[in-house]
Each structure stands twice: as C-alpha cells, then as structure tokens.
N, C-alpha and C. Protein backbone atom coordinates (compact mmCIF):
# COMPACT_ATOMS: atom_id res chain seq x y z
N MET A 1 154.39 148.36 -101.15
CA MET A 1 153.68 148.14 -102.78
C MET A 1 152.28 147.46 -102.34
N ARG A 2 151.68 147.74 -103.30
CA ARG A 2 149.86 146.75 -103.50
C ARG A 2 150.39 146.45 -105.09
N LEU A 3 149.80 145.10 -104.97
CA LEU A 3 149.86 144.23 -105.95
C LEU A 3 148.62 143.43 -106.23
N GLY A 4 147.95 143.60 -106.76
CA GLY A 4 146.88 143.01 -107.55
C GLY A 4 147.29 141.63 -108.21
N VAL A 5 146.40 140.57 -107.95
CA VAL A 5 146.78 139.15 -108.79
C VAL A 5 145.49 138.89 -108.79
N ILE A 6 144.98 138.43 -110.40
CA ILE A 6 143.87 137.96 -111.08
C ILE A 6 144.17 136.85 -111.91
N SER A 7 142.93 136.17 -112.31
CA SER A 7 143.42 135.35 -113.10
C SER A 7 141.84 135.03 -113.54
N ASP A 8 141.80 134.29 -114.96
CA ASP A 8 140.98 133.65 -115.50
C ASP A 8 139.80 134.45 -115.91
N THR A 9 139.86 135.71 -116.60
CA THR A 9 138.94 136.72 -116.99
C THR A 9 138.27 136.10 -117.70
N HIS A 10 138.69 135.19 -118.64
CA HIS A 10 137.74 134.67 -119.65
C HIS A 10 137.03 135.81 -120.46
N GLY A 11 137.31 136.54 -120.94
CA GLY A 11 137.08 137.76 -121.68
C GLY A 11 136.13 138.82 -120.89
N GLN A 12 135.97 139.00 -119.73
CA GLN A 12 135.10 139.80 -119.01
C GLN A 12 135.74 140.41 -117.95
N LEU A 13 135.81 141.64 -117.70
CA LEU A 13 136.24 142.38 -116.68
C LEU A 13 135.57 143.22 -116.37
N ARG A 14 135.17 142.72 -114.82
CA ARG A 14 133.92 143.39 -114.31
C ARG A 14 134.50 144.80 -113.83
N PRO A 15 133.56 145.69 -113.50
CA PRO A 15 133.91 146.98 -112.83
C PRO A 15 134.31 146.66 -111.33
N GLU A 16 133.69 145.84 -110.53
CA GLU A 16 133.88 145.49 -109.28
C GLU A 16 135.57 145.30 -109.34
N VAL A 17 136.41 144.63 -110.47
CA VAL A 17 137.76 144.02 -110.10
C VAL A 17 138.17 145.31 -110.38
N THR A 18 137.89 146.49 -111.42
CA THR A 18 139.12 147.23 -111.62
C THR A 18 138.76 148.31 -110.52
N ALA A 19 137.23 148.49 -109.58
CA ALA A 19 137.59 149.18 -108.48
C ALA A 19 138.52 148.68 -107.52
N LEU A 20 138.80 147.08 -107.14
CA LEU A 20 139.33 146.85 -106.37
C LEU A 20 140.63 146.42 -106.45
N LEU A 21 141.27 146.85 -107.89
CA LEU A 21 142.93 146.95 -108.29
C LEU A 21 142.99 148.61 -108.30
N ASP A 22 142.39 149.16 -108.53
CA ASP A 22 142.37 150.96 -108.66
C ASP A 22 143.63 150.89 -107.04
N GLY A 23 144.32 151.95 -107.41
CA GLY A 23 145.97 152.04 -106.39
C GLY A 23 146.34 150.82 -106.38
N CYS A 24 146.81 150.14 -107.12
CA CYS A 24 148.17 149.23 -106.84
C CYS A 24 148.87 149.48 -107.53
N ASP A 25 150.01 149.33 -107.31
CA ASP A 25 151.32 149.60 -108.17
C ASP A 25 151.95 148.81 -109.17
N ALA A 26 151.15 147.49 -109.17
CA ALA A 26 151.01 146.41 -110.55
C ALA A 26 150.59 145.52 -110.23
N ILE A 27 150.29 144.50 -111.50
CA ILE A 27 149.18 143.56 -111.72
C ILE A 27 149.61 142.45 -112.17
N LEU A 28 149.46 141.49 -111.65
CA LEU A 28 149.51 140.11 -112.56
C LEU A 28 148.33 139.39 -112.55
N HIS A 29 148.60 139.04 -114.06
CA HIS A 29 147.41 138.07 -114.53
C HIS A 29 147.76 136.64 -114.85
N ALA A 30 146.80 135.71 -114.26
CA ALA A 30 147.88 134.32 -114.53
C ALA A 30 147.07 133.56 -115.40
N GLY A 31 146.90 134.10 -116.89
CA GLY A 31 146.31 133.79 -117.77
C GLY A 31 144.80 133.53 -118.00
N ASP A 32 144.25 132.95 -119.05
CA ASP A 32 143.08 133.10 -119.42
C ASP A 32 142.44 134.18 -119.55
N VAL A 33 142.94 135.34 -120.23
CA VAL A 33 142.68 136.58 -120.54
C VAL A 33 141.29 136.73 -121.14
N GLY A 34 141.67 135.54 -122.35
CA GLY A 34 140.23 136.11 -123.27
C GLY A 34 140.01 136.94 -123.86
N ASP A 35 140.50 138.25 -123.78
CA ASP A 35 140.36 139.54 -124.73
C ASP A 35 141.30 140.26 -124.54
N PRO A 36 142.38 140.66 -125.63
CA PRO A 36 143.66 141.80 -125.33
C PRO A 36 142.81 143.01 -124.74
N ALA A 37 141.72 143.78 -124.87
CA ALA A 37 141.49 144.65 -124.30
C ALA A 37 141.29 144.97 -123.12
N ILE A 38 141.17 143.87 -122.16
CA ILE A 38 141.50 143.57 -120.78
C ILE A 38 142.64 143.96 -120.05
N LEU A 39 143.95 143.68 -121.08
CA LEU A 39 145.26 143.59 -120.58
C LEU A 39 145.18 145.56 -120.97
N ALA A 40 144.79 145.91 -122.19
CA ALA A 40 144.99 147.28 -121.94
C ALA A 40 144.41 148.07 -121.18
N THR A 41 142.97 147.88 -120.94
CA THR A 41 142.29 148.33 -119.32
C THR A 41 142.78 147.97 -117.91
N LEU A 42 143.78 147.09 -117.95
CA LEU A 42 144.13 146.97 -116.83
C LEU A 42 145.37 147.61 -116.67
N ALA A 43 146.16 148.10 -117.78
CA ALA A 43 147.18 148.45 -118.04
C ALA A 43 147.35 150.06 -117.53
N ASP A 44 145.72 150.76 -117.81
CA ASP A 44 145.56 152.24 -117.29
C ASP A 44 145.43 151.92 -115.69
N ILE A 45 145.48 150.85 -115.04
CA ILE A 45 145.35 151.27 -113.42
C ILE A 45 147.11 151.14 -113.25
N ALA A 46 147.78 150.08 -113.58
CA ALA A 46 148.88 149.95 -113.31
C ALA A 46 149.91 148.74 -114.34
N PRO A 47 151.04 148.79 -114.37
CA PRO A 47 152.06 148.10 -114.99
C PRO A 47 151.37 146.86 -114.92
N VAL A 48 151.31 146.14 -116.32
CA VAL A 48 150.61 144.43 -116.14
C VAL A 48 151.62 143.97 -116.65
N THR A 49 151.74 142.48 -116.13
CA THR A 49 152.28 141.20 -116.37
C THR A 49 151.23 140.06 -116.41
N ALA A 50 151.30 139.52 -117.71
CA ALA A 50 150.43 138.47 -118.06
C ALA A 50 151.31 137.40 -118.68
N VAL A 51 150.72 136.04 -118.35
CA VAL A 51 150.69 134.92 -118.89
C VAL A 51 149.85 134.14 -119.78
N ARG A 52 150.29 133.41 -121.11
CA ARG A 52 148.95 132.84 -121.32
C ARG A 52 148.34 131.79 -120.73
N GLY A 53 147.12 131.47 -121.15
CA GLY A 53 146.06 130.63 -119.99
C GLY A 53 145.55 129.56 -121.46
N ASN A 54 145.12 128.75 -121.17
CA ASN A 54 144.40 127.66 -122.13
C ASN A 54 143.61 128.08 -122.89
N VAL A 55 142.84 129.12 -122.84
CA VAL A 55 142.09 130.08 -123.99
C VAL A 55 142.52 131.09 -124.70
N ASP A 56 143.96 131.30 -124.27
CA ASP A 56 144.41 132.66 -125.02
C ASP A 56 145.40 131.86 -126.20
N VAL A 57 144.54 131.63 -127.12
CA VAL A 57 145.11 130.90 -128.41
C VAL A 57 145.08 131.75 -129.49
N ALA A 58 144.56 133.03 -129.77
CA ALA A 58 144.77 133.65 -131.07
C ALA A 58 145.23 135.22 -130.49
N GLY A 59 145.65 135.66 -131.99
CA GLY A 59 146.42 136.82 -132.02
C GLY A 59 147.25 137.25 -130.80
N THR A 60 147.30 138.65 -130.11
CA THR A 60 148.37 139.12 -129.39
C THR A 60 148.12 138.34 -127.89
N LEU A 61 147.51 137.55 -127.85
CA LEU A 61 146.93 136.80 -126.77
C LEU A 61 147.58 135.64 -126.77
N ALA A 62 147.70 134.71 -128.02
CA ALA A 62 148.72 133.68 -128.12
C ALA A 62 150.30 133.88 -128.11
N ARG A 63 150.53 134.85 -128.09
CA ARG A 63 152.05 135.56 -127.79
C ARG A 63 152.55 136.09 -126.66
N LEU A 64 151.82 135.65 -125.63
CA LEU A 64 151.89 135.88 -124.27
C LEU A 64 152.76 134.45 -123.74
N PRO A 65 153.63 134.97 -122.94
CA PRO A 65 154.57 133.90 -122.43
C PRO A 65 153.44 132.92 -121.56
N ASP A 66 154.32 131.71 -121.52
CA ASP A 66 153.41 130.42 -120.94
C ASP A 66 153.99 130.78 -119.67
N GLU A 67 155.09 131.64 -119.23
CA GLU A 67 155.41 131.56 -117.84
C GLU A 67 156.26 132.66 -117.56
N VAL A 68 156.41 133.41 -116.58
CA VAL A 68 157.09 134.73 -116.29
C VAL A 68 157.89 134.59 -114.98
N SER A 69 159.09 135.18 -114.76
CA SER A 69 159.82 135.18 -113.60
C SER A 69 160.63 136.31 -112.86
N GLY A 70 160.56 136.97 -111.89
CA GLY A 70 161.05 138.41 -111.68
C GLY A 70 160.99 138.68 -110.28
N GLU A 71 160.97 139.97 -110.14
CA GLU A 71 161.39 140.43 -108.86
C GLU A 71 160.32 141.81 -109.07
N ILE A 72 159.48 141.70 -107.72
CA ILE A 72 158.90 142.87 -107.71
C ILE A 72 159.14 143.00 -105.95
N ASP A 73 159.40 144.81 -105.80
CA ASP A 73 159.50 145.08 -104.56
C ASP A 73 160.27 144.16 -103.70
N GLY A 74 161.45 143.60 -104.29
CA GLY A 74 162.11 142.54 -103.41
C GLY A 74 161.65 140.99 -103.40
N VAL A 75 160.76 141.12 -103.70
CA VAL A 75 159.96 139.51 -103.91
C VAL A 75 160.17 138.86 -104.84
N ARG A 76 161.10 138.05 -105.16
CA ARG A 76 161.42 137.19 -106.15
C ARG A 76 160.10 136.35 -106.29
N TYR A 77 159.43 136.46 -107.56
CA TYR A 77 158.10 135.90 -107.99
C TYR A 77 158.29 134.74 -109.47
N ARG A 78 157.36 133.79 -109.57
CA ARG A 78 157.23 133.36 -110.84
C ARG A 78 155.77 132.95 -111.18
N MET A 79 155.40 132.95 -112.21
CA MET A 79 154.09 132.93 -112.48
C MET A 79 153.52 132.22 -113.77
N THR A 80 152.79 131.12 -114.04
CA THR A 80 152.00 130.31 -114.81
C THR A 80 151.09 130.16 -114.99
N HIS A 81 150.01 129.57 -115.77
CA HIS A 81 148.78 129.63 -115.75
C HIS A 81 148.16 128.22 -114.81
N ARG A 82 148.90 126.81 -115.24
CA ARG A 82 148.39 125.93 -114.33
C ARG A 82 149.19 125.62 -113.04
N ARG A 83 149.20 125.11 -112.28
CA ARG A 83 150.05 124.99 -110.73
C ARG A 83 150.56 123.82 -111.31
N GLU A 84 150.20 122.74 -112.06
CA GLU A 84 151.17 121.43 -112.09
C GLU A 84 152.63 122.18 -113.17
N ASP A 85 152.40 123.25 -113.65
CA ASP A 85 153.62 123.87 -114.51
C ASP A 85 154.37 124.55 -113.49
N LEU A 86 154.46 124.64 -112.23
CA LEU A 86 155.50 125.30 -111.53
C LEU A 86 156.17 123.78 -110.89
N ALA A 87 157.63 124.20 -110.91
CA ALA A 87 158.79 123.28 -110.32
C ALA A 87 158.49 123.07 -108.85
N ASN A 88 158.55 121.94 -108.40
CA ASN A 88 158.38 121.62 -106.86
C ASN A 88 159.44 122.77 -106.61
N SER A 89 160.60 122.27 -106.68
CA SER A 89 161.65 123.06 -105.93
C SER A 89 162.16 124.77 -106.62
N ASP A 90 161.95 125.43 -105.70
CA ASP A 90 162.00 126.55 -106.50
C ASP A 90 162.43 127.97 -105.36
N ASP A 91 163.43 129.05 -105.69
CA ASP A 91 163.81 129.84 -104.46
C ASP A 91 163.18 131.03 -104.74
N ARG A 92 161.74 130.92 -105.12
CA ARG A 92 160.91 132.17 -104.92
C ARG A 92 160.25 132.39 -103.71
N ALA A 93 160.21 133.65 -103.63
CA ALA A 93 158.74 133.57 -102.29
C ALA A 93 157.72 133.55 -102.65
N LEU A 94 156.99 133.59 -104.29
CA LEU A 94 155.54 133.88 -104.67
C LEU A 94 155.53 133.34 -105.87
N LEU A 95 154.47 131.84 -105.55
CA LEU A 95 154.12 131.22 -106.77
C LEU A 95 153.09 131.34 -107.07
N VAL A 96 152.37 132.15 -108.38
CA VAL A 96 151.20 132.50 -108.66
C VAL A 96 150.75 131.42 -110.22
N PHE A 97 149.24 131.12 -110.10
CA PHE A 97 148.66 130.31 -111.01
C PHE A 97 147.31 130.71 -110.76
N GLY A 98 146.89 129.88 -111.87
CA GLY A 98 145.09 130.01 -112.31
C GLY A 98 144.54 128.86 -112.57
N HIS A 99 143.74 128.91 -113.54
CA HIS A 99 143.07 127.80 -114.22
C HIS A 99 142.32 127.24 -113.68
N SER A 100 142.14 126.66 -111.94
CA SER A 100 141.43 125.78 -111.42
C SER A 100 140.03 126.89 -111.15
N HIS A 101 140.22 127.89 -110.65
CA HIS A 101 139.18 128.67 -110.63
C HIS A 101 138.86 128.68 -108.93
N ARG A 102 139.79 128.06 -108.38
CA ARG A 102 139.61 128.04 -106.91
C ARG A 102 140.83 129.06 -106.13
N PRO A 103 140.08 129.52 -105.62
CA PRO A 103 141.15 130.38 -105.01
C PRO A 103 142.30 129.74 -103.73
N GLU A 104 143.23 130.08 -103.56
CA GLU A 104 144.08 129.31 -103.11
C GLU A 104 145.64 130.16 -102.43
N ILE A 105 145.39 130.42 -101.17
CA ILE A 105 146.27 130.87 -100.12
C ILE A 105 147.46 129.57 -99.38
N THR A 106 148.51 129.49 -99.92
CA THR A 106 149.34 128.14 -99.10
C THR A 106 150.75 128.45 -99.19
N TRP A 107 150.82 128.57 -97.80
CA TRP A 107 152.21 128.76 -97.44
C TRP A 107 153.22 127.52 -97.49
N ARG A 108 153.89 127.63 -98.21
CA ARG A 108 155.25 125.94 -98.26
C ARG A 108 156.65 126.64 -97.93
N GLY A 109 156.54 126.81 -96.28
CA GLY A 109 157.88 127.13 -95.67
C GLY A 109 157.38 128.97 -96.08
N SER A 110 158.62 129.14 -96.24
CA SER A 110 158.34 130.93 -96.63
C SER A 110 158.10 131.35 -98.16
N CYS A 111 157.27 130.28 -98.89
CA CYS A 111 156.91 130.21 -100.14
C CYS A 111 155.78 130.59 -100.38
N LEU A 112 154.84 131.37 -100.84
CA LEU A 112 153.71 131.59 -100.73
C LEU A 112 152.82 131.40 -102.12
N LEU A 113 152.18 130.03 -102.43
CA LEU A 113 151.43 129.59 -103.41
C LEU A 113 150.12 129.94 -103.32
N LEU A 114 150.25 130.97 -104.96
CA LEU A 114 148.67 131.79 -105.03
C LEU A 114 148.26 131.46 -105.78
N ASN A 115 146.93 131.08 -105.94
CA ASN A 115 146.03 131.26 -106.95
C ASN A 115 144.69 132.57 -106.36
N PRO A 116 144.72 133.19 -107.30
CA PRO A 116 143.47 134.29 -107.02
C PRO A 116 142.21 133.89 -107.23
N GLY A 117 141.99 132.66 -107.50
CA GLY A 117 140.54 132.50 -108.30
C GLY A 117 140.03 132.97 -109.59
N ALA A 118 139.18 132.82 -109.70
CA ALA A 118 138.46 133.62 -111.28
C ALA A 118 137.95 134.92 -110.73
N CYS A 119 137.79 135.71 -112.16
CA CYS A 119 136.97 136.80 -111.72
C CYS A 119 136.05 137.34 -112.91
N GLY A 120 136.12 136.46 -113.88
CA GLY A 120 135.27 136.77 -115.35
C GLY A 120 134.06 135.78 -115.14
N PRO A 121 133.72 135.45 -115.82
CA PRO A 121 131.87 134.73 -116.31
C PRO A 121 131.80 133.66 -114.64
N ARG A 122 131.20 133.74 -114.32
CA ARG A 122 131.07 132.44 -112.90
C ARG A 122 130.92 131.19 -113.69
N ARG A 123 131.81 130.24 -113.00
CA ARG A 123 131.92 128.74 -113.64
C ARG A 123 131.73 127.78 -112.30
N PHE A 124 131.13 126.81 -112.02
CA PHE A 124 131.61 125.78 -111.29
C PHE A 124 130.92 126.14 -109.77
N ARG A 125 129.95 127.20 -109.78
CA ARG A 125 129.76 127.66 -108.55
C ARG A 125 130.60 127.95 -107.58
N LEU A 126 131.71 128.55 -107.88
CA LEU A 126 132.60 128.79 -106.86
C LEU A 126 132.78 130.59 -106.68
N PRO A 127 133.33 130.90 -105.91
CA PRO A 127 133.24 132.44 -105.68
C PRO A 127 133.84 133.44 -106.59
N LEU A 128 133.66 134.58 -106.85
CA LEU A 128 134.48 135.12 -107.84
C LEU A 128 135.17 136.19 -107.01
N THR A 129 136.88 135.95 -107.35
CA THR A 129 137.49 136.33 -106.77
C THR A 129 138.79 136.76 -107.04
N ILE A 130 140.03 137.89 -106.50
CA ILE A 130 141.29 138.41 -106.95
C ILE A 130 141.81 138.18 -105.48
N ALA A 131 143.03 138.47 -105.78
CA ALA A 131 144.03 138.45 -104.34
C ALA A 131 144.81 140.16 -104.83
N LEU A 132 144.95 140.44 -103.33
CA LEU A 132 145.56 141.73 -102.99
C LEU A 132 146.72 141.40 -102.09
N LEU A 133 147.90 142.00 -102.34
CA LEU A 133 149.25 141.52 -101.73
C LEU A 133 150.04 142.92 -101.31
N GLU A 134 150.23 143.13 -100.24
CA GLU A 134 150.96 144.01 -99.66
C GLU A 134 152.48 143.54 -99.53
N LEU A 135 153.35 144.03 -100.02
CA LEU A 135 154.74 143.63 -100.19
C LEU A 135 155.30 145.08 -99.35
N ARG A 136 155.86 144.36 -97.99
CA ARG A 136 156.98 145.08 -97.36
C ARG A 136 158.14 144.60 -96.52
N ASP A 137 158.89 145.28 -97.05
CA ASP A 137 160.45 144.54 -96.76
C ASP A 137 160.36 142.98 -96.65
N GLY A 138 160.56 142.88 -98.30
CA GLY A 138 160.68 141.38 -98.55
C GLY A 138 159.33 140.57 -97.83
N ARG A 139 158.34 140.90 -97.31
CA ARG A 139 157.21 139.96 -96.70
C ARG A 139 156.03 140.26 -97.75
N ILE A 140 155.32 139.23 -97.46
CA ILE A 140 153.89 139.31 -98.55
C ILE A 140 153.28 138.78 -97.17
N LEU A 141 151.87 139.87 -97.58
CA LEU A 141 150.74 140.09 -96.49
C LEU A 141 149.56 139.96 -98.01
N PRO A 142 149.19 138.77 -97.85
CA PRO A 142 147.73 138.14 -98.91
C PRO A 142 146.48 138.56 -98.58
N GLU A 143 145.80 138.73 -99.72
CA GLU A 143 144.22 138.76 -98.99
C GLU A 143 143.70 138.23 -100.28
N LEU A 144 142.57 137.38 -99.98
CA LEU A 144 141.39 137.20 -100.96
C LEU A 144 140.63 138.54 -101.08
N ARG A 145 139.83 138.56 -101.55
CA ARG A 145 138.63 139.56 -101.99
C ARG A 145 137.76 138.98 -102.82
N CYS A 146 136.41 139.02 -102.19
CA CYS A 146 135.62 138.79 -103.22
C CYS A 146 134.81 139.88 -103.94
N VAL A 147 134.89 139.39 -105.74
CA VAL A 147 134.20 140.56 -106.61
C VAL A 147 132.58 140.84 -106.40
N GLU A 148 132.17 140.03 -105.86
CA GLU A 148 130.67 140.18 -105.78
C GLU A 148 130.51 140.52 -104.49
C-alpha cells in the first residue's frame, strides 16, 4: 500500500504535490490545510484523513479533529498537528505531525516519528517536501520527496 503524508499546505496545493500523490491508496494531512478545497482535491486522488492545524480556525476546517488514530494496512498510527501533542508512550508504529515545516524521519525503536515537512507557501528557507510511505506486511518504508 502506498500512503501519502503531507502537512502545512496553508491554502496552496501545488501541482507537483498532486503529481507525487497520484497513485496513493490513502493520504494523511497533518494540519494547517488553509483551504477546504485542498481536501476536496486530495479526495479525488485517494481517501483523505486530516487534522486541524493552528491556521484551520474557520468553517469546515475548524471542525477537523485535533488528533486521529487508527490503522492503515496493518499499521497503527496517530496524527496531530504539533509534535508536542503526541504522547511519549504509545503503542503505535507511526506517529505523524507537522507544524514546524521541518521534514523529519526518526525511528524510536519500532515507531516512526514522521513530519512530512511543508508543501504550501515557502517559509523559513526550508525545502518543500512531502512523505511517501510503502506499507508492506506491517513494515513502513518511508521516503521524503522534494516538491520542487
């Protein structure tokens, strides 16, 4: 299974992002969506699960959950916008967060802490990135991809 993970679009969904997500079986958005049309466009690619970020304060975006957890293809995950809102002790194999705009792939034992970075407007001189994950037999094979 191919899982696309993005964050911090801040109202901008670049064509390069949708091209990279094409063929994904599911998409996770770790908040700061910025425009509900982004979730609709992503839903045309694959089923989308999203959380509310600190800029998602109005309309339908304000009704997004602060946190979601579940299982995708045998991999238990939890997602929130800010890393500090994830509990330190968790039985999940995948913890997803955004907010900092800094991409991160960190293994803590058998748990992957993943920040896909930001793929909306450029900020802080950081690269624009997303994450693509291959989920196979309960294993996670992560890859960061530059958008530009």
